[in-house]
Protein backbone atom coordinates (compact mmCIF):
# COMPACT_ATOMS: atom_id res chain seq x y z
CA MET A 1 0.09 0.09 -0.04
CA THR A 2 1.43 3.26 -1.18
CA ASP A 3 0.21 6.97 -0.08
CA GLY A 4 -1.98 6.78 -3.04
CA ARG A 5 -2.33 8.10 -6.61
CA THR A 6 -3.32 11.81 -7.39
CA GLN A 7 -6.98 11.93 -7.84
CA ARG A 8 -8.16 13.32 -11.07
CA GLY A 9 -11.44 14.92 -12.23
CA GLY A 10 -11.64 17.26 -9.28
CA GLY A 11 -14.40 16.89 -6.95
CA LEU A 12 -16.81 15.28 -9.59
CA GLY A 13 -14.36 12.55 -10.44
CA ALA A 14 -14.03 11.87 -6.28
CA LEU A 15 -17.67 11.89 -5.79
CA ARG A 16 -17.75 9.11 -8.59
CA GLU A 17 -14.91 7.14 -6.83
CA VAL A 18 -16.87 7.26 -3.58
CA ALA A 19 -20.01 6.11 -5.66
CA ARG A 20 -17.97 3.49 -7.25
CA ALA A 21 -16.71 2.25 -3.54
CA ALA A 22 -20.33 2.03 -2.29
CA TYR A 23 -21.01 -0.04 -5.55
CA GLU A 24 -18.28 -2.22 -4.85
CA THR A 25 -19.37 -2.84 -1.20
CA TYR A 26 -22.95 -3.73 -2.31
CA ARG A 27 -21.27 -6.05 -5.26
CA LEU A 28 -18.96 -7.91 -2.71
CA GLY A 29 -21.53 -8.35 -0.11
CA GLY A 30 -24.11 -10.03 -2.60
CA ARG A 31 -21.22 -12.22 -3.97
CA MET A 32 -20.51 -13.32 -0.49
CA VAL A 33 -23.85 -15.39 -0.89
CA VAL A 34 -22.30 -17.85 -3.64
CA ALA A 35 -18.70 -17.29 -2.85
CA ALA A 36 -18.61 -17.84 0.86
CA PRO A 37 -21.91 -18.66 2.49
CA LEU A 38 -20.57 -20.86 5.16
CA LEU A 39 -19.10 -17.50 6.66
CA LEU A 40 -22.94 -16.08 6.48
CA LEU A 41 -24.20 -18.97 8.52
CA ILE A 42 -22.00 -17.51 11.73
CA ALA A 43 -24.71 -15.06 11.62
CA VAL A 44 -27.62 -16.69 10.32
CA LEU A 45 -27.64 -19.47 12.97
CA PRO A 46 -27.50 -17.71 16.12
CA GLU A 47 -29.96 -15.30 14.61
CA LEU A 48 -32.42 -17.99 13.89
CA LEU A 49 -31.75 -19.42 17.18
CA GLN A 50 -33.01 -16.12 18.89
CA HIS A 51 -36.17 -16.03 16.84
CA ALA A 52 -36.90 -19.61 17.86
CA ALA A 53 -36.88 -18.58 21.34
CA GLU A 54 -38.68 -15.38 20.83
CA ILE A 55 -41.78 -17.50 18.75
CA HIS A 56 -41.64 -19.88 22.02
CA LEU A 57 -42.30 -16.99 24.52
CA GLY A 58 -44.93 -15.84 21.89
CA MET A 59 -43.36 -12.44 21.68
CA PHE A 60 -44.99 -11.94 18.01
CA ASP A 61 -48.46 -12.61 19.22
CA SER A 62 -48.78 -8.58 19.66
CA ILE A 63 -46.73 -5.25 20.14
CA ASP A 64 -47.61 -5.30 23.71
CA ARG A 65 -46.38 -8.90 24.51
CA PHE A 66 -43.34 -7.79 22.29
CA ARG A 67 -42.36 -5.03 24.46
CA ALA A 68 -43.29 -6.97 27.76
CA LEU A 69 -40.82 -9.71 26.89
CA SER A 70 -38.04 -7.85 25.16
CA ALA A 71 -35.90 -8.11 27.82
CA ASP A 72 -36.71 -11.53 29.02
CA PRO A 73 -33.77 -13.85 30.01
CA LEU A 74 -34.50 -16.48 27.54
CA ARG A 75 -34.29 -13.99 24.63
CA TRP A 76 -31.18 -12.51 25.91
CA SER A 77 -29.46 -15.82 26.46
CA PHE A 78 -29.58 -16.12 22.58
CA GLY A 79 -29.20 -12.24 22.23
CA TYR A 80 -25.52 -12.19 23.24
CA LEU A 81 -24.76 -15.17 21.10
CA LYS A 82 -26.27 -13.58 17.76
CA VAL A 83 -24.52 -10.09 18.62
CA ALA A 84 -21.07 -12.22 19.25
CA GLY A 85 -22.17 -14.18 15.98
CA PHE A 86 -22.85 -11.21 13.87
CA VAL A 87 -19.35 -9.17 14.57
CA VAL A 88 -17.47 -12.33 13.67
CA ALA A 89 -19.37 -12.81 10.35
CA ILE A 90 -18.87 -9.15 9.37
CA LEU A 91 -15.00 -9.66 10.36
CA ALA A 92 -14.92 -13.11 8.69
CA CYS A 93 -16.30 -11.57 5.38
CA ALA A 94 -14.00 -8.71 5.56
CA ARG A 95 -11.07 -10.93 5.75
CA PHE A 96 -12.48 -13.23 3.18
CA TRP A 97 -11.81 -10.52 0.60
CA ALA A 98 -8.60 -9.70 1.69
CA VAL A 99 -7.25 -13.06 2.04
CA GLY A 100 -9.00 -15.21 -0.37
CA SER A 101 -9.91 -18.34 1.47
CA ILE A 102 -12.52 -19.25 3.99
CA ARG A 103 -10.07 -21.07 6.16
CA ARG A 104 -7.56 -18.15 6.33
CA ALA A 105 -10.51 -15.94 6.93
CA LEU A 106 -11.30 -17.86 9.89
CA MET A 107 -7.56 -18.15 11.36
CA ILE A 108 -6.47 -14.92 12.26
CA PRO A 109 -2.70 -14.79 12.96
CA PRO A 110 -1.67 -13.89 16.50
CA ALA A 111 0.33 -10.90 15.62
CA ALA A 112 -2.60 -9.30 13.62
CA LEU A 113 -4.83 -10.13 16.90
CA ILE A 114 -2.27 -8.21 19.19
CA ARG A 115 -2.01 -5.08 16.64
CA ALA A 116 -5.77 -5.15 16.83
CA ALA A 117 -5.93 -5.54 20.68
CA ALA A 118 -3.28 -2.80 20.73
CA GLY A 119 -5.01 -0.44 18.75
CA LEU A 120 -8.39 -1.01 20.43
CA ILE A 121 -6.93 -0.44 24.06
CA VAL A 122 -4.99 2.75 23.26
CA GLY A 123 -7.96 3.83 21.33
CA PHE A 124 -10.29 3.61 24.29
CA ALA A 125 -7.71 5.33 26.63
CA VAL A 126 -7.19 8.00 23.93
CA ALA A 127 -11.33 8.41 23.91
CA TRP A 128 -11.69 8.72 27.66
CA PRO A 129 -10.56 11.92 28.44
CA PHE A 130 -12.89 13.50 25.56
CA THR A 131 -15.89 11.50 26.86
CA TRP A 132 -15.09 12.77 30.39
CA LEU A 133 -15.21 16.31 28.95
CA ASN A 134 -18.24 16.15 27.37
CA THR A 135 -19.90 15.68 30.68
CA GLN A 136 -18.21 18.34 32.20
CA GLY A 137 -20.75 20.91 31.10
CA ILE A 138 -17.99 22.84 28.91
CA ALA A 139 -19.28 25.46 26.67
CA PRO A 140 -20.32 24.34 23.31
CA ALA A 141 -17.61 26.84 21.54
CA ILE A 142 -14.95 24.52 23.22
CA ASN A 143 -16.60 21.35 23.44
CA VAL A 144 -17.90 20.98 20.00
CA PRO A 145 -14.37 21.14 18.43
CA LEU A 146 -13.04 18.75 21.03
CA GLN A 147 -15.60 16.09 20.14
CA ILE A 148 -15.03 16.56 16.44
CA LEU A 149 -11.49 15.83 17.16
CA SER A 150 -12.14 12.96 19.23
CA ALA A 151 -14.27 11.56 16.12
CA VAL A 152 -11.41 11.92 13.70
CA ILE A 153 -8.88 10.36 16.20
CA GLN A 154 -10.96 7.33 16.80
CA GLY A 155 -11.98 7.14 13.04
CA ALA A 156 -7.97 7.04 12.32
CA PHE A 157 -7.85 3.79 15.21
CA LEU A 158 -10.77 2.47 13.52
CA VAL A 159 -8.85 2.07 10.40
CA TYR A 160 -5.99 0.90 11.87
CA ILE A 161 -7.51 -1.97 13.78
CA VAL A 162 -9.60 -3.15 10.60
CA GLY A 163 -6.07 -3.04 8.84
CA ALA A 164 -4.47 -5.07 11.32
CA LEU A 165 -7.41 -7.66 11.46
CA LEU A 166 -7.17 -7.60 7.46
CA GLU A 167 -3.42 -8.43 7.66
CA GLU A 168 -2.92 -5.17 5.64
CA LYS A 169 0.83 -4.27 7.22
CA ALA A 170 0.90 -1.14 5.45
CA VAL A 171 -1.76 0.39 7.48
CA THR A 172 0.54 1.61 10.14
CA PRO A 173 -0.25 3.74 13.19
CA VAL A 174 1.50 6.72 11.95
CA ARG A 175 -0.20 6.30 8.04
CA ALA A 176 -3.71 5.73 10.17
CA MET A 177 -3.24 9.01 11.98
CA THR A 178 -2.00 11.13 8.83
CA SER A 179 -2.31 10.11 5.33
CA LEU A 180 -5.07 7.65 5.76
CA LEU A 181 -7.63 10.10 7.57
CA PRO A 182 -9.84 10.23 4.64
CA ALA A 183 -9.82 6.41 4.65
CA ALA A 184 -11.82 6.72 7.94
CA VAL A 185 -14.31 9.16 6.56
CA VAL A 186 -14.98 6.40 3.49
CA LEU A 187 -15.00 3.63 6.42
CA THR A 188 -17.70 5.70 8.18
CA LEU A 189 -19.88 6.38 5.33
CA LEU A 190 -19.61 3.00 3.59
CA ALA A 191 -20.26 1.03 6.88
CA ALA A 192 -23.38 3.65 7.23
CA LEU A 193 -24.37 3.10 3.80
CA ALA A 194 -24.36 -0.73 4.21
CA PHE A 195 -25.87 -0.67 7.82
CA ALA A 196 -28.62 1.60 7.48
CA PRO A 197 -30.93 -0.04 4.79
CA ALA A 198 -30.23 -3.56 5.95
CA GLN A 199 -30.94 -2.65 9.50
CA ALA A 200 -34.28 -0.65 8.46
CA LEU A 201 -35.50 -3.98 6.52
CA HIS A 202 -34.32 -5.96 9.57
CA MET A 203 -36.41 -3.94 11.98
CA ALA A 204 -39.50 -3.69 9.43
CA ASN A 205 -39.66 -7.54 9.10
CA HIS A 206 -40.07 -7.85 12.72
CA LYS A 207 -42.84 -5.15 12.80
CA LEU A 208 -44.68 -7.25 9.76
CA ALA A 209 -44.52 -10.39 11.92
CA LEU A 210 -46.85 -8.87 14.87
CA GLY A 211 -50.15 -10.50 14.98
CA GLN A 212 -49.53 -12.78 11.77
CA PRO A 213 -50.38 -16.52 12.30
CA LEU A 214 -47.65 -18.74 13.18
CA PRO A 215 -46.51 -19.98 9.73
CA ILE A 216 -46.10 -16.62 8.36
CA VAL A 217 -44.12 -15.61 11.53
CA TRP A 218 -42.01 -18.54 11.05
CA PHE A 219 -41.28 -17.69 7.31
CA LEU A 220 -40.81 -13.84 8.07
CA MET A 221 -38.20 -14.94 10.81
CA ILE A 222 -36.39 -17.53 8.64
CA PHE A 223 -36.23 -14.88 6.10
CA ASP A 224 -34.79 -12.64 8.53
CA ALA A 225 -32.16 -14.81 9.69
CA LEU A 226 -31.03 -15.07 6.11
CA TRP A 227 -31.17 -11.45 5.79
CA VAL A 228 -28.89 -10.82 8.60
CA GLY A 229 -26.27 -12.76 6.97
CA LEU A 230 -26.50 -10.84 3.94
CA PHE A 231 -26.33 -7.60 6.57
CA ALA A 232 -23.05 -8.96 7.72
CA ALA A 233 -21.68 -9.78 4.42
CA LEU A 234 -22.34 -5.88 3.54
CA VAL A 235 -20.71 -4.53 6.50
CA GLY A 236 -17.87 -6.61 6.17
CA SER A 237 -17.23 -5.77 2.74
CA ALA A 238 -17.60 -2.00 3.44
CA LEU A 239 -14.79 -2.60 5.76
CA PHE A 240 -12.51 -4.14 3.39
CA VAL A 241 -13.59 -1.85 0.32
CA SER A 242 -12.55 1.04 2.59
CA VAL A 243 -9.40 -0.09 3.79
CA ARG A 244 -8.08 -1.59 0.83
CA THR A 245 -8.86 1.30 -1.42
CA GLY A 246 -7.06 3.22 1.07
CA LEU A 247 -8.13 6.96 0.18
CA THR A 248 -5.35 9.20 1.07
CA TRP A 249 -4.83 12.99 0.78
CA ARG A 250 -3.44 12.56 -2.45
CA GLY A 251 -5.98 10.02 -3.76
CA TRP A 252 -6.85 6.38 -3.46
CA THR A 253 -4.17 3.75 -3.08
CA ILE A 254 -6.14 1.39 -5.09
CA PRO A 255 -9.24 3.20 -6.92
CA PRO A 256 -12.59 1.57 -6.41
CA GLY A 257 -13.10 1.04 -9.97
CA GLU A 258 -9.85 -1.07 -10.08
CA LEU A 259 -10.62 -3.44 -6.97
CA GLY A 260 -12.66 -6.20 -8.84
CA ARG A 261 -9.50 -6.66 -10.71
CA SER A 262 -6.92 -7.66 -7.75
CA HIS A 263 -6.55 -11.31 -7.18
CA ALA A 264 -7.75 -11.89 -3.83
CA VAL A 265 -11.24 -10.13 -4.68
CA MET A 266 -11.58 -12.35 -7.78
CA MET A 267 -10.91 -15.56 -5.78
CA SER A 268 -13.84 -17.73 -5.07
CA PRO A 269 -14.05 -21.23 -3.70
CA ALA A 270 -14.22 -22.72 -7.22
CA ASP A 271 -11.07 -20.89 -8.04
CA ASN A 272 -9.07 -22.16 -4.94
CA LEU A 273 -10.40 -25.76 -5.59
CA ALA A 274 -9.57 -25.61 -9.24
CA GLY A 275 -5.95 -24.16 -8.24
CA MET A 276 -5.60 -27.12 -6.06
CA ARG A 277 -6.28 -29.24 -8.44
CA ARG A 278 -3.85 -27.93 -10.59
CA ARG A 279 -1.05 -27.86 -8.20
CA SER A 280 -1.86 -31.56 -7.54
CA ALA A 281 -1.79 -32.57 -11.01
CA ALA A 282 1.53 -30.88 -11.46
CA GLY A 283 2.85 -32.51 -8.09
CA SER A 284 1.82 -35.98 -9.72
CA GLN A 285 3.70 -35.43 -12.89
CA MET A 286 6.79 -34.34 -11.55
CA ALA A 287 6.68 -37.27 -9.26
């Protein structure tokens, strides 16, 4: 990863590239359904288990019953598992596009975990003073710039943490805090563009199920669990696209329009299997 190529075309060209980055996010998110469906099951299965518990409790009988049972211990025993599965699936999808295989996507090297953990710990430590100042009744003229500065710093830490988890060794703390600050803006934007519509449909599906006959409730909840898998794929792809394209002050490290040409992104399980067979056949001939 370099410090980027100079962006041509002015503001309109920059907007086109951001729009292309959003398109790549949805393109790769959709391709995950075919390229690595097993990774999506990490989010789908816990979601389905929680829905089974909710149906067992009768949560979808009415809006009042749904609200009354929203904090039920049985529901939340599956809820924690669901949240964990969703986060792991997001990371696995992002890593799949970064490293090109399901096995490697699930096996994060210890060095990458250490880098990410260090970034997370330091990021929380740096954020704490700003959070504390926000509760001290400081005048808005002072507090607002401080909170904007905090958001910028946390965005830089997020780029570093994601870069570490995706094994992007060129995403160093110094570059994350300097030349890659624009990438933090792109990451936030792409994650929001992936998250907001998916979450809206997720919530609408729950409302639609209220008061419906049991077979329709089951149909909607099975659809919802599958949708959550795609949801995770979209957010994971947003993380990958934002870090791999790496927008800097000078331009994109990899222009979003060229992202689909990279070897890792074009890789699929069928490509991996074909490559393994070719290497196996070559080894047999040499023997």
